[in-house]
Amino acid sequence: MFPDFSAVTPLQWTLVGAVVALCFSFSAWTILDVWKRDFESPNEKVLWMQFCIFIPIFGSLAYLSIGRKRSTKRG
């Protein structure tokens, strides 16, 4: 029923951990970027935040390609 994880080498575990950490970092960075920017309406900001949280990789890619152009940086 469960796969045999003892066959996985330490190098493979390291690679899996690195990929997971990279994906998490990318999503966290886009969530923080949404937080720091101003949009035309607060609803648009909430929508991009939800995309980045609930659909992490695809939502982040969509935000970078579409949403970031529609916002202005605060400060």
C-alpha atoms as a PDB file:
ATOM      1  CA  MET A   1       0.000   0.000   0.000  1.00  0.00           C
ATOM      2  CA  PHE A   2       2.754   2.469   0.902  1.00  0.00           C
ATOM      3  CA  PRO A   3       5.884   2.798  -1.210  1.00  0.00           C
ATOM      4  CA  ASP A   4       9.206   1.757   0.224  1.00  0.00           C
ATOM      5  CA  PHE A   5      10.928   5.014   1.138  1.00  0.00           C
ATOM      6  CA  SER A   6      14.080   3.213   2.266  1.00  0.00           C
ATOM      7  CA  ALA A   7      15.088   2.970  -1.402  1.00  0.00           C
ATOM      8  CA  VAL A   8      15.346   6.755  -1.674  1.00  0.00           C
ATOM      9  CA  THR A   9      18.921   8.001  -1.331  1.00  0.00           C
ATOM     10  CA  PRO A  10      19.942  10.997   0.789  1.00  0.00           C
ATOM     11  CA  LEU A  11      20.802  12.900  -2.403  1.00  0.00           C
ATOM     12  CA  GLN A  12      17.268  12.344  -3.721  1.00  0.00           C
ATOM     13  CA  TRP A  13      15.791  13.555  -0.411  1.00  0.00           C
ATOM     14  CA  THR A  14      17.995  16.640  -0.645  1.00  0.00           C
ATOM     15  CA  LEU A  15      16.834  17.366  -4.188  1.00  0.00           C
ATOM     16  CA  VAL A  16      13.181  16.951  -3.212  1.00  0.00           C
ATOM     17  CA  GLY A  17      13.685  19.253  -0.223  1.00  0.00           C
ATOM     18  CA  ALA A  18      15.416  21.853  -2.388  1.00  0.00           C
ATOM     19  CA  VAL A  19      12.586  21.841  -4.957  1.00  0.00           C
ATOM     20  CA  VAL A  20       9.959  22.177  -2.211  1.00  0.00           C
ATOM     21  CA  ALA A  21      11.907  25.022  -0.573  1.00  0.00           C
ATOM     22  CA  LEU A  22      12.291  26.779  -3.940  1.00  0.00           C
ATOM     23  CA  CYS A  23       8.554  26.544  -4.688  1.00  0.00           C
ATOM     24  CA  PHE A  24       7.669  27.752  -1.177  1.00  0.00           C
ATOM     25  CA  SER A  25      10.097  30.677  -1.432  1.00  0.00           C
ATOM     26  CA  PHE A  26       8.730  31.702  -4.827  1.00  0.00           C
ATOM     27  CA  SER A  27       5.139  31.664  -3.566  1.00  0.00           C
ATOM     28  CA  ALA A  28       6.043  33.509  -0.363  1.00  0.00           C
ATOM     29  CA  TRP A  29       7.894  36.183  -2.352  1.00  0.00           C
ATOM     30  CA  THR A  30       4.887  36.818  -4.628  1.00  0.00           C
ATOM     31  CA  ILE A  31       2.507  36.964  -1.653  1.00  0.00           C
ATOM     32  CA  LEU A  32       4.730  39.592  -0.021  1.00  0.00           C
ATOM     33  CA  ASP A  33       4.972  41.490  -3.304  1.00  0.00           C
ATOM     34  CA  VAL A  34       1.166  41.609  -3.581  1.00  0.00           C
ATOM     35  CA  TRP A  35       1.015  42.846   0.014  1.00  0.00           C
ATOM     36  CA  LYS A  36       3.462  45.710  -0.677  1.00  0.00           C
ATOM     37  CA  ARG A  37       1.748  47.026  -3.832  1.00  0.00           C
ATOM     38  CA  ASP A  38      -1.303  49.184  -4.448  1.00  0.00           C
ATOM     39  CA  PHE A  39      -4.022  48.157  -6.903  1.00  0.00           C
ATOM     40  CA  GLU A  40      -6.940  50.031  -8.432  1.00  0.00           C
ATOM     41  CA  SER A  41      -9.305  48.423  -5.918  1.00  0.00           C
ATOM     42  CA  PRO A  42      -8.854  46.522  -2.673  1.00  0.00           C
ATOM     43  CA  ASN A  43     -10.819  43.624  -4.178  1.00  0.00           C
ATOM     44  CA  GLU A  44      -8.183  43.144  -6.867  1.00  0.00           C
ATOM     45  CA  LYS A  45      -5.483  42.927  -4.207  1.00  0.00           C
ATOM     46  CA  VAL A  46      -7.484  40.334  -2.279  1.00  0.00           C
ATOM     47  CA  LEU A  47      -8.061  38.344  -5.464  1.00  0.00           C
ATOM     48  CA  TRP A  48      -4.347  38.210  -6.333  1.00  0.00           C
ATOM     49  CA  MET A  49      -3.531  37.280  -2.745  1.00  0.00           C
ATOM     50  CA  GLN A  50      -6.013  34.400  -2.884  1.00  0.00           C
ATOM     51  CA  PHE A  51      -4.623  33.189  -6.207  1.00  0.00           C
ATOM     52  CA  CYS A  52      -1.095  33.167  -4.800  1.00  0.00           C
ATOM     53  CA  ILE A  53      -2.137  31.364  -1.617  1.00  0.00           C
ATOM     54  CA  PHE A  54      -4.584  28.757  -2.917  1.00  0.00           C
ATOM     55  CA  ILE A  55      -2.950  28.019  -6.297  1.00  0.00           C
ATOM     56  CA  PRO A  56       0.689  28.603  -5.298  1.00  0.00           C
ATOM     57  CA  ILE A  57       2.831  28.112  -8.411  1.00  0.00           C
ATOM     58  CA  PHE A  58       0.293  28.922 -11.126  1.00  0.00           C
ATOM     59  CA  GLY A  59      -1.192  31.816  -9.149  1.00  0.00           C
ATOM     60  CA  SER A  60       2.264  33.275  -8.594  1.00  0.00           C
ATOM     61  CA  LEU A  61       3.165  32.959 -12.264  1.00  0.00           C
ATOM     62  CA  ALA A  62      -0.134  34.586 -13.257  1.00  0.00           C
ATOM     63  CA  TYR A  63       0.469  37.434 -10.823  1.00  0.00           C
ATOM     64  CA  LEU A  64       3.967  38.057 -12.175  1.00  0.00           C
ATOM     65  CA  SER A  65       2.809  38.024 -15.791  1.00  0.00           C
ATOM     66  CA  ILE A  66      -0.484  39.939 -15.390  1.00  0.00           C
ATOM     67  CA  GLY A  67      -1.079  41.394 -11.929  1.00  0.00           C
ATOM     68  CA  ARG A  68       2.246  43.053 -11.290  1.00  0.00           C
ATOM     69  CA  LYS A  69       1.776  45.283 -14.350  1.00  0.00           C
ATOM     70  CA  ARG A  70      -1.597  46.424 -13.019  1.00  0.00           C
ATOM     71  CA  SER A  71      -0.179  47.605  -9.685  1.00  0.00           C
ATOM     72  CA  THR A  72       2.004  50.407  -8.389  1.00  0.00           C
ATOM     73  CA  LYS A  73       4.713  50.118  -5.783  1.00  0.00           C
ATOM     74  CA  ARG A  74       4.043  51.833  -2.481  1.00  0.00           C
ATOM     75  CA  GLY A  75       6.486  54.193  -0.948  1.00  0.00           C
END
